[in-house]
C-alpha cells in the first residue's frame, strides 16, 4: 500500500505531499509578505527578531536557513552581523526567487548563497554550520524527523538549531478564539487580499496538524540533539525551539 500523510486535514500519498505544498507556495509567493503581515498583525517580524536573539551567533559564523521563503531571517541576520556566511535554501523555486530578489534589492546579497533544496535532503557536507534556522517551514515537511536529522547532520558540534513555528495555545479560552480566527478570518484575508482562500485554508489546517510544543521537543531530541528547550510567544500561538 502507498504510504499516506496529511496535507492540512486531508490524507494524501506521502510521495505527493511536496507537490501539493509546492502548488500552495507557488500560488502565495507573490503576496507572501503582505499576507504574513495581515495574518499576524505584523508580529511575525518581532518573532523573527527574538529568534535571532536566541541564535548565539558571532561574527564569522556559518549559517543555514531552511525553507527560507522571502529571506526574512537571512535579512535580519545580515543586518546584525557583517561577516556571517549565509546559506539560503527553499524547496520552492517561486519562494527562493522572491528571497533572492529581495536580497539583491535590499542590499544583503553580498554574503548570501542561494540553493533550491529540500530540508529533508540538504546538499551540504556534515558538520559545517554553526546555526541552522527554519521559520514557519517545518510543518510543511513530508517527513519532519528526516528533516530534523538532516539539520543535525550539517551542524557542527555545539551548533544550534532554532525552529520558529506555530504551536498550541496554552490557554483554552484563547485557543478557541485562535481557532475561530484561523478558520474564519485567515481564509477570508486570503480571498480579499490575494484572491486565494484555498491556500490559506491549507495553511490554517497545517498549523493544527503540527506537533505541539512538547511533542516537537521530543521529536528534536529523538533526532539526535543533546538538549532542547522551547519559548512560547503570544500564549503559545508561536513557539521557538532551541536545540543543541
Foldseek 3Di string as FASTA:
>chain_A
DFDWDDQQPDIDRLVCLVVVLLVLCLQCQVCVVVLVCVLVVPCVLVVLVVLVVPQPDDAPFEEEEEQCFLPSNVVVVCVVYVRYQYEYERLHPSRQVNNCVCCVVVVNNPRYDYDNDHLLDDPDAFARGQEYEYEAPLLSDSDNLSSLLSVNRNHHVNHKYKYKHFAAFPDPVVRVVVLCCQQPPSLVCCCVPRNGSPSSNSSSSSSVVDYHDVVVQVSNVVSPFPHKDKDADPRRRMIMIMTD
